[in-house]
Amino acid sequence: MLHTLAAMLPARLLANEPVERQLATAILNCGCLKVVLHIEQPQRHRPVVDPADIKQKLRRLLKAVDPHLKIVSMNNMQGLAWTVT
């Protein structure tokens, strides 16, 4: 994720495609960023990885980007307005 964010400035300045340049500009002009990790784990061996452990590690790494990140799955969307099929 940090590499993606770091690529936005060069994309805004150097992108060959106007759509890429517009997207990078919109991202860099936004007021805040939200981090959401969508993870699905096998039903049989649930949980393979404890989402709380992932959240703690990501929170430590990405606190400057979004201190209130979310870990979601199809069964626990936490009020997010997207659909997973």
N, C-alpha and C. Protein backbone atom coordinates (compact mmCIF):
# COMPACT_ATOMS: atom_id res chain seq x y z
N MET A 1 0.81 -1.18 0.00
CA MET A 1 0.00 0.00 0.00
C MET A 1 0.86 1.25 0.00
N LEU A 2 1.89 1.28 0.80
CA LEU A 2 2.75 2.46 0.84
C LEU A 2 3.41 2.70 -0.51
N HIS A 3 3.75 1.62 -1.22
CA HIS A 3 4.35 1.79 -2.54
C HIS A 3 3.32 2.36 -3.52
N THR A 4 2.07 1.97 -3.37
CA THR A 4 1.01 2.52 -4.22
C THR A 4 0.85 4.01 -3.97
N LEU A 5 0.83 4.40 -2.70
CA LEU A 5 0.70 5.82 -2.38
C LEU A 5 1.91 6.60 -2.90
N ALA A 6 3.09 6.03 -2.77
CA ALA A 6 4.30 6.71 -3.22
C ALA A 6 4.30 6.89 -4.74
N ALA A 7 3.60 6.04 -5.46
CA ALA A 7 3.57 6.13 -6.92
C ALA A 7 2.59 7.19 -7.43
N MET A 8 1.76 7.74 -6.56
CA MET A 8 0.74 8.69 -7.02
C MET A 8 1.34 10.01 -7.52
N LEU A 9 2.35 10.54 -6.86
CA LEU A 9 2.93 11.80 -7.30
C LEU A 9 3.58 11.65 -8.68
N PRO A 10 4.43 10.65 -8.90
CA PRO A 10 4.97 10.49 -10.25
C PRO A 10 3.88 10.24 -11.29
N ALA A 11 2.83 9.52 -10.91
CA ALA A 11 1.74 9.26 -11.86
C ALA A 11 1.04 10.57 -12.22
N ARG A 12 0.85 11.44 -11.24
CA ARG A 12 0.19 12.72 -11.52
C ARG A 12 1.05 13.57 -12.46
N LEU A 13 2.35 13.49 -12.29
CA LEU A 13 3.25 14.34 -13.08
C LEU A 13 3.65 13.73 -14.42
N LEU A 14 3.75 12.41 -14.49
CA LEU A 14 4.38 11.78 -15.65
C LEU A 14 3.51 10.79 -16.41
N ALA A 15 2.28 10.56 -15.98
CA ALA A 15 1.43 9.55 -16.63
C ALA A 15 1.20 9.90 -18.10
N ASN A 16 1.27 8.89 -18.96
CA ASN A 16 1.01 9.08 -20.38
C ASN A 16 -0.48 9.12 -20.67
N GLU A 17 -1.25 8.39 -19.89
CA GLU A 17 -2.70 8.32 -20.11
C GLU A 17 -3.40 9.38 -19.28
N PRO A 18 -4.28 10.17 -19.88
CA PRO A 18 -5.01 11.20 -19.12
C PRO A 18 -5.82 10.64 -17.96
N VAL A 19 -6.39 9.44 -18.13
CA VAL A 19 -7.19 8.83 -17.07
C VAL A 19 -6.31 8.53 -15.86
N GLU A 20 -5.12 8.02 -16.08
CA GLU A 20 -4.19 7.74 -14.97
C GLU A 20 -3.81 9.04 -14.26
N ARG A 21 -3.55 10.08 -15.03
CA ARG A 21 -3.18 11.37 -14.44
C ARG A 21 -4.33 11.93 -13.61
N GLN A 22 -5.56 11.82 -14.12
CA GLN A 22 -6.74 12.31 -13.39
C GLN A 22 -6.96 11.52 -12.10
N LEU A 23 -6.80 10.22 -12.15
CA LEU A 23 -6.98 9.38 -10.96
C LEU A 23 -5.93 9.73 -9.90
N ALA A 24 -4.68 9.86 -10.31
CA ALA A 24 -3.62 10.20 -9.36
C ALA A 24 -3.87 11.58 -8.75
N THR A 25 -4.32 12.52 -9.55
CA THR A 25 -4.63 13.87 -9.04
C THR A 25 -5.76 13.81 -8.03
N ALA A 26 -6.81 13.05 -8.33
CA ALA A 26 -7.94 12.93 -7.41
C ALA A 26 -7.50 12.31 -6.08
N ILE A 27 -6.67 11.29 -6.15
CA ILE A 27 -6.19 10.63 -4.92
C ILE A 27 -5.36 11.60 -4.09
N LEU A 28 -4.47 12.33 -4.74
CA LEU A 28 -3.60 13.25 -4.01
C LEU A 28 -4.36 14.45 -3.45
N ASN A 29 -5.51 14.78 -4.03
CA ASN A 29 -6.31 15.92 -3.55
C ASN A 29 -7.34 15.54 -2.49
N CYS A 30 -7.45 14.26 -2.18
CA CYS A 30 -8.48 13.85 -1.22
C CYS A 30 -8.11 14.31 0.19
N GLY A 31 -9.12 14.46 1.03
CA GLY A 31 -8.92 14.94 2.39
C GLY A 31 -8.44 13.87 3.36
N CYS A 32 -8.81 12.62 3.10
CA CYS A 32 -8.38 11.54 3.98
C CYS A 32 -8.39 10.22 3.21
N LEU A 33 -7.65 9.27 3.73
CA LEU A 33 -7.59 7.93 3.14
C LEU A 33 -8.12 6.93 4.15
N LYS A 34 -8.84 5.95 3.68
CA LYS A 34 -9.35 4.86 4.52
C LYS A 34 -8.73 3.56 4.04
N VAL A 35 -8.26 2.76 4.98
CA VAL A 35 -7.66 1.47 4.66
C VAL A 35 -8.65 0.38 5.06
N VAL A 36 -8.97 -0.49 4.10
CA VAL A 36 -9.85 -1.63 4.35
C VAL A 36 -9.19 -2.86 3.75
N LEU A 37 -9.03 -3.89 4.56
CA LEU A 37 -8.53 -5.17 4.07
C LEU A 37 -9.70 -6.14 4.06
N HIS A 38 -10.01 -6.65 2.89
CA HIS A 38 -11.06 -7.66 2.77
C HIS A 38 -10.37 -9.01 2.69
N ILE A 39 -10.67 -9.88 3.64
CA ILE A 39 -10.02 -11.19 3.70
C ILE A 39 -11.08 -12.27 3.90
N GLU A 40 -11.00 -13.30 3.08
CA GLU A 40 -11.87 -14.46 3.23
C GLU A 40 -11.00 -15.65 3.59
N GLN A 41 -11.40 -16.38 4.59
CA GLN A 41 -10.65 -17.55 5.03
C GLN A 41 -11.47 -18.81 4.80
N PRO A 42 -10.80 -19.95 4.62
CA PRO A 42 -11.53 -21.19 4.38
C PRO A 42 -12.49 -21.50 5.53
N GLN A 43 -13.71 -21.93 5.19
CA GLN A 43 -14.72 -22.27 6.19
C GLN A 43 -14.24 -23.38 7.12
N ARG A 44 -13.55 -24.35 6.56
CA ARG A 44 -13.16 -25.53 7.30
C ARG A 44 -12.19 -25.25 8.44
N HIS A 45 -11.24 -24.40 8.21
CA HIS A 45 -10.18 -24.17 9.18
C HIS A 45 -10.22 -22.73 9.69
N ARG A 46 -11.36 -22.26 10.01
CA ARG A 46 -11.52 -20.87 10.41
C ARG A 46 -11.13 -20.67 11.85
N PRO A 47 -10.48 -19.65 12.27
CA PRO A 47 -9.72 -18.77 11.40
C PRO A 47 -8.30 -19.28 11.19
N VAL A 48 -7.84 -19.24 9.96
CA VAL A 48 -6.46 -19.60 9.66
C VAL A 48 -5.55 -18.54 10.27
N VAL A 49 -5.94 -17.30 10.08
CA VAL A 49 -5.22 -16.17 10.65
C VAL A 49 -6.25 -15.35 11.43
N ASP A 50 -5.92 -14.98 12.63
CA ASP A 50 -6.83 -14.19 13.45
C ASP A 50 -6.88 -12.75 12.92
N PRO A 51 -8.05 -12.28 12.50
CA PRO A 51 -8.16 -10.91 11.99
C PRO A 51 -7.67 -9.85 12.99
N ALA A 52 -7.79 -10.12 14.27
CA ALA A 52 -7.30 -9.17 15.28
C ALA A 52 -5.78 -9.02 15.20
N ASP A 53 -5.08 -10.12 14.91
CA ASP A 53 -3.63 -10.06 14.76
C ASP A 53 -3.24 -9.24 13.53
N ILE A 54 -3.97 -9.46 12.44
CA ILE A 54 -3.70 -8.70 11.22
C ILE A 54 -3.96 -7.22 11.46
N LYS A 55 -5.07 -6.92 12.11
CA LYS A 55 -5.42 -5.53 12.37
C LYS A 55 -4.37 -4.83 13.24
N GLN A 56 -3.89 -5.52 14.24
CA GLN A 56 -2.88 -4.95 15.13
C GLN A 56 -1.59 -4.64 14.36
N LYS A 57 -1.17 -5.57 13.52
CA LYS A 57 0.06 -5.36 12.75
C LYS A 57 -0.12 -4.23 11.74
N LEU A 58 -1.24 -4.24 11.01
CA LEU A 58 -1.48 -3.18 10.03
C LEU A 58 -1.62 -1.82 10.70
N ARG A 59 -2.27 -1.80 11.85
CA ARG A 59 -2.43 -0.53 12.57
C ARG A 59 -1.06 0.05 12.93
N ARG A 60 -0.16 -0.81 13.33
CA ARG A 60 1.19 -0.36 13.67
C ARG A 60 1.91 0.18 12.43
N LEU A 61 1.76 -0.51 11.29
CA LEU A 61 2.45 -0.12 10.08
C LEU A 61 1.83 1.09 9.37
N LEU A 62 0.51 1.22 9.46
CA LEU A 62 -0.21 2.22 8.66
C LEU A 62 -0.89 3.30 9.50
N LYS A 63 -0.47 3.47 10.74
CA LYS A 63 -1.12 4.43 11.62
C LYS A 63 -1.14 5.84 11.02
N ALA A 64 -0.09 6.22 10.33
CA ALA A 64 -0.03 7.56 9.73
C ALA A 64 -1.00 7.71 8.55
N VAL A 65 -1.36 6.60 7.92
CA VAL A 65 -2.28 6.65 6.78
C VAL A 65 -3.73 6.61 7.26
N ASP A 66 -4.06 5.64 8.11
CA ASP A 66 -5.42 5.51 8.64
C ASP A 66 -5.36 4.80 9.99
N PRO A 67 -5.50 5.53 11.08
CA PRO A 67 -5.42 4.90 12.41
C PRO A 67 -6.64 4.04 12.74
N HIS A 68 -7.68 4.09 11.92
CA HIS A 68 -8.91 3.34 12.18
C HIS A 68 -9.23 2.38 11.03
N LEU A 69 -8.24 1.64 10.58
CA LEU A 69 -8.45 0.73 9.47
C LEU A 69 -9.42 -0.38 9.84
N LYS A 70 -9.96 -1.03 8.82
CA LYS A 70 -10.94 -2.09 9.03
C LYS A 70 -10.49 -3.37 8.36
N ILE A 71 -10.79 -4.49 9.01
CA ILE A 71 -10.60 -5.82 8.45
C ILE A 71 -12.00 -6.39 8.28
N VAL A 72 -12.39 -6.70 7.04
CA VAL A 72 -13.75 -7.16 6.79
C VAL A 72 -13.75 -8.47 6.02
N SER A 73 -14.91 -9.13 6.04
CA SER A 73 -15.15 -10.33 5.24
C SER A 73 -16.61 -10.29 4.80
N MET A 74 -17.03 -11.24 3.98
CA MET A 74 -18.42 -11.25 3.52
C MET A 74 -19.38 -11.34 4.68
N ASN A 75 -19.01 -12.03 5.75
CA ASN A 75 -19.89 -12.18 6.91
C ASN A 75 -19.80 -11.02 7.89
N ASN A 76 -18.82 -10.15 7.72
CA ASN A 76 -18.61 -9.05 8.65
C ASN A 76 -18.16 -7.81 7.87
N MET A 77 -19.11 -7.13 7.20
CA MET A 77 -18.78 -6.00 6.34
C MET A 77 -18.64 -4.68 7.11
N GLN A 78 -18.97 -4.66 8.38
CA GLN A 78 -18.83 -3.48 9.24
C GLN A 78 -19.47 -2.23 8.64
N GLY A 79 -20.61 -2.41 8.01
CA GLY A 79 -21.36 -1.27 7.49
C GLY A 79 -20.84 -0.71 6.17
N LEU A 80 -19.90 -1.37 5.52
CA LEU A 80 -19.39 -0.86 4.26
C LEU A 80 -20.41 -1.13 3.15
N ALA A 81 -20.48 -0.20 2.23
CA ALA A 81 -21.52 -0.25 1.20
C ALA A 81 -21.04 -0.92 -0.09
N TRP A 82 -20.40 -2.05 -0.01
CA TRP A 82 -20.10 -2.79 -1.22
C TRP A 82 -20.51 -4.23 -1.06
N THR A 83 -20.66 -4.89 -2.18
CA THR A 83 -21.14 -6.26 -2.19
C THR A 83 -20.04 -7.17 -2.71
N VAL A 84 -19.90 -8.31 -2.09
CA VAL A 84 -18.91 -9.30 -2.51
C VAL A 84 -19.67 -10.53 -2.97
N THR A 85 -19.30 -11.03 -4.13
CA THR A 85 -19.98 -12.24 -4.65
C THR A 85 -19.02 -13.37 -4.80
